[in-house]
Amino acid sequence: MAVFPSKKFRSTAEANTIASRYRSSLARHPFLLFGLPFIVTMVAGSFFLTPATAIRYEKHDRRVRRLSKEEELGIGKAGRRVDMKEEYYRLAAKDLDDWEQKRVKRLPGEHDGVI
């Protein structure tokens, strides 16, 4: 049985192209022609994408910021200015000891929890 050569046949027209020369050089120097450009691309991409990522996080920080107590309490539509002392005395003025426990009316067919 005949032994076939491991090299593919390439015509002379195909042998003079840039791709053909690169392919043959790549077989001899794989890291220099493939690995090094790949690593350089990854490192350069990292440096170029860092400002874009920073812009993203700065935009997020501008949108979400810490609010003071006054801003927090005045966010609603009917937000009124709240004074903690005033709220304390307003709540203290109510009679908190005189209350009655009432059961919530259940929907039809809903278990009421009574044993």
C-alpha atoms as a PDB file:
ATOM      1  CA  MET A   1       0.000   0.000   0.000  1.00  0.00           C
ATOM      2  CA  ALA A   2       1.233   3.503  -0.849  1.00  0.00           C
ATOM      3  CA  VAL A   3       2.049   6.102   1.778  1.00  0.00           C
ATOM      4  CA  PHE A   4       0.441   9.490   1.197  1.00  0.00           C
ATOM      5  CA  PRO A   5       2.423  12.637   1.963  1.00  0.00           C
ATOM      6  CA  SER A   6       1.213  14.716   4.920  1.00  0.00           C
ATOM      7  CA  LYS A   7       1.636  18.010   3.056  1.00  0.00           C
ATOM      8  CA  LYS A   8      -1.294  19.243   0.990  1.00  0.00           C
ATOM      9  CA  PHE A   9      -0.643  20.113  -2.624  1.00  0.00           C
ATOM     10  CA  ARG A  10      -0.718  23.837  -3.217  1.00  0.00           C
ATOM     11  CA  SER A  11      -0.504  25.294  -6.683  1.00  0.00           C
ATOM     12  CA  THR A  12       2.081  27.978  -7.516  1.00  0.00           C
ATOM     13  CA  ALA A  13      -0.678  30.618  -7.871  1.00  0.00           C
ATOM     14  CA  GLU A  14      -1.892  29.837  -4.368  1.00  0.00           C
ATOM     15  CA  ALA A  15       1.629  29.706  -2.910  1.00  0.00           C
ATOM     16  CA  ASN A  16       2.326  33.394  -3.633  1.00  0.00           C
ATOM     17  CA  THR A  17      -0.648  34.831  -1.706  1.00  0.00           C
ATOM     18  CA  ILE A  18      -0.294  36.645   1.614  1.00  0.00           C
ATOM     19  CA  ALA A  19      -2.503  34.058   3.330  1.00  0.00           C
ATOM     20  CA  SER A  20      -0.325  31.231   2.135  1.00  0.00           C
ATOM     21  CA  ARG A  21       2.852  32.920   3.339  1.00  0.00           C
ATOM     22  CA  TYR A  22       1.225  33.695   6.707  1.00  0.00           C
ATOM     23  CA  ARG A  23       0.067  30.085   7.055  1.00  0.00           C
ATOM     24  CA  SER A  24       3.542  28.725   6.408  1.00  0.00           C
ATOM     25  CA  SER A  25       5.147  31.269   8.780  1.00  0.00           C
ATOM     26  CA  LEU A  26       2.513  30.478  11.425  1.00  0.00           C
ATOM     27  CA  ALA A  27       3.569  26.831  11.409  1.00  0.00           C
ATOM     28  CA  ARG A  28       7.132  27.889  12.196  1.00  0.00           C
ATOM     29  CA  HIS A  29       6.445  30.705  14.732  1.00  0.00           C
ATOM     30  CA  PRO A  30       2.984  30.155  16.264  1.00  0.00           C
ATOM     31  CA  PHE A  31       3.371  32.342  19.378  1.00  0.00           C
ATOM     32  CA  LEU A  32       4.918  35.273  17.524  1.00  0.00           C
ATOM     33  CA  LEU A  33       2.253  35.367  14.805  1.00  0.00           C
ATOM     34  CA  PHE A  34      -0.831  34.265  16.756  1.00  0.00           C
ATOM     35  CA  GLY A  35      -0.311  34.288  20.536  1.00  0.00           C
ATOM     36  CA  LEU A  36       1.411  37.650  20.903  1.00  0.00           C
ATOM     37  CA  PRO A  37      -1.126  39.611  18.803  1.00  0.00           C
ATOM     38  CA  PHE A  38      -3.941  37.949  20.758  1.00  0.00           C
ATOM     39  CA  ILE A  39      -2.459  38.930  24.130  1.00  0.00           C
ATOM     40  CA  VAL A  40      -1.744  42.487  22.920  1.00  0.00           C
ATOM     41  CA  THR A  41      -5.363  42.793  21.724  1.00  0.00           C
ATOM     42  CA  MET A  42      -6.724  41.648  25.097  1.00  0.00           C
ATOM     43  CA  VAL A  43      -4.521  44.057  27.074  1.00  0.00           C
ATOM     44  CA  ALA A  44      -5.247  46.999  24.756  1.00  0.00           C
ATOM     45  CA  GLY A  45      -8.986  46.234  24.905  1.00  0.00           C
ATOM     46  CA  SER A  46      -8.807  46.299  28.676  1.00  0.00           C
ATOM     47  CA  PHE A  47      -7.226  49.756  28.639  1.00  0.00           C
ATOM     48  CA  PHE A  48      -9.682  51.108  26.063  1.00  0.00           C
ATOM     49  CA  LEU A  49     -12.776  49.730  27.834  1.00  0.00           C
ATOM     50  CA  THR A  50     -11.840  51.000  31.312  1.00  0.00           C
ATOM     51  CA  PRO A  51     -13.069  54.590  30.651  1.00  0.00           C
ATOM     52  CA  ALA A  52     -16.339  53.272  29.191  1.00  0.00           C
ATOM     53  CA  THR A  53     -16.945  51.199  32.318  1.00  0.00           C
ATOM     54  CA  ALA A  54     -16.101  54.188  34.525  1.00  0.00           C
ATOM     55  CA  ILE A  55     -18.671  56.302  32.652  1.00  0.00           C
ATOM     56  CA  ARG A  56     -21.291  53.617  33.246  1.00  0.00           C
ATOM     57  CA  TYR A  57     -20.699  53.562  36.988  1.00  0.00           C
ATOM     58  CA  GLU A  58     -20.543  57.364  37.237  1.00  0.00           C
ATOM     59  CA  LYS A  59     -23.919  57.591  35.492  1.00  0.00           C
ATOM     60  CA  HIS A  60     -25.334  55.055  37.952  1.00  0.00           C
ATOM     61  CA  ASP A  61     -23.918  57.026  40.902  1.00  0.00           C
ATOM     62  CA  ARG A  62     -25.494  60.245  39.635  1.00  0.00           C
ATOM     63  CA  ARG A  63     -28.883  58.545  39.378  1.00  0.00           C
ATOM     64  CA  VAL A  64     -28.700  56.777  42.745  1.00  0.00           C
ATOM     65  CA  ARG A  65     -27.399  59.035  45.472  1.00  0.00           C
ATOM     66  CA  ARG A  66     -27.754  59.296  49.219  1.00  0.00           C
ATOM     67  CA  LEU A  67     -30.636  61.414  50.399  1.00  0.00           C
ATOM     68  CA  SER A  68     -30.773  63.452  53.569  1.00  0.00           C
ATOM     69  CA  LYS A  69     -33.650  62.854  56.013  1.00  0.00           C
ATOM     70  CA  GLU A  70     -35.463  65.985  54.817  1.00  0.00           C
ATOM     71  CA  GLU A  71     -35.210  64.963  51.159  1.00  0.00           C
ATOM     72  CA  GLU A  72     -36.269  61.432  52.013  1.00  0.00           C
ATOM     73  CA  LEU A  73     -39.408  62.575  53.815  1.00  0.00           C
ATOM     74  CA  GLY A  74     -40.393  65.073  51.126  1.00  0.00           C
ATOM     75  CA  ILE A  75     -40.253  62.684  48.169  1.00  0.00           C
ATOM     76  CA  GLY A  76     -43.993  61.886  47.926  1.00  0.00           C
ATOM     77  CA  LYS A  77     -46.549  64.041  46.092  1.00  0.00           C
ATOM     78  CA  ALA A  78     -48.224  65.175  49.313  1.00  0.00           C
ATOM     79  CA  GLY A  79     -44.978  65.206  51.225  1.00  0.00           C
ATOM     80  CA  ARG A  80     -45.121  67.589  54.138  1.00  0.00           C
ATOM     81  CA  ARG A  81     -42.250  68.757  56.247  1.00  0.00           C
ATOM     82  CA  VAL A  82     -41.878  66.441  59.234  1.00  0.00           C
ATOM     83  CA  ASP A  83     -40.476  67.364  62.607  1.00  0.00           C
ATOM     84  CA  MET A  84     -39.680  64.408  64.867  1.00  0.00           C
ATOM     85  CA  LYS A  85     -40.645  66.254  68.075  1.00  0.00           C
ATOM     86  CA  GLU A  86     -43.957  67.311  66.578  1.00  0.00           C
ATOM     87  CA  GLU A  87     -44.715  63.741  65.509  1.00  0.00           C
ATOM     88  CA  TYR A  88     -43.853  62.434  68.969  1.00  0.00           C
ATOM     89  CA  TYR A  89     -46.213  64.820  70.737  1.00  0.00           C
ATOM     90  CA  ARG A  90     -48.940  64.269  68.144  1.00  0.00           C
ATOM     91  CA  LEU A  91     -48.764  60.512  68.734  1.00  0.00           C
ATOM     92  CA  ALA A  92     -48.577  60.987  72.515  1.00  0.00           C
ATOM     93  CA  ALA A  93     -51.753  63.089  72.436  1.00  0.00           C
ATOM     94  CA  LYS A  94     -53.719  60.133  71.078  1.00  0.00           C
ATOM     95  CA  ASP A  95     -55.145  57.703  73.588  1.00  0.00           C
ATOM     96  CA  LEU A  96     -53.196  54.539  72.771  1.00  0.00           C
ATOM     97  CA  ASP A  97     -54.543  52.525  75.695  1.00  0.00           C
ATOM     98  CA  ASP A  98     -58.171  52.666  74.593  1.00  0.00           C
ATOM     99  CA  TRP A  99     -58.441  50.390  71.574  1.00  0.00           C
ATOM    100  CA  GLU A 100     -60.425  47.378  70.538  1.00  0.00           C
ATOM    101  CA  GLN A 101     -59.221  44.393  68.551  1.00  0.00           C
ATOM    102  CA  LYS A 102     -61.414  43.692  65.504  1.00  0.00           C
ATOM    103  CA  ARG A 103     -61.174  40.746  63.161  1.00  0.00           C
ATOM    104  CA  VAL A 104     -60.748  41.406  59.490  1.00  0.00           C
ATOM    105  CA  LYS A 105     -63.688  40.236  57.418  1.00  0.00           C
ATOM    106  CA  ARG A 106     -62.681  37.207  55.348  1.00  0.00           C
ATOM    107  CA  LEU A 107     -63.546  36.550  51.746  1.00  0.00           C
ATOM    108  CA  PRO A 108     -66.210  33.884  51.071  1.00  0.00           C
ATOM    109  CA  GLY A 109     -64.642  30.413  51.215  1.00  0.00           C
ATOM    110  CA  GLU A 110     -61.442  31.673  52.868  1.00  0.00           C
ATOM    111  CA  HIS A 111     -60.340  29.939  56.074  1.00  0.00           C
ATOM    112  CA  ASP A 112     -60.759  32.311  59.022  1.00  0.00           C
ATOM    113  CA  GLY A 113     -58.202  30.653  61.316  1.00  0.00           C
ATOM    114  CA  VAL A 114     -60.664  29.930  64.133  1.00  0.00           C
ATOM    115  CA  ILE A 115     -60.222  26.477  65.631  1.00  0.00           C
END
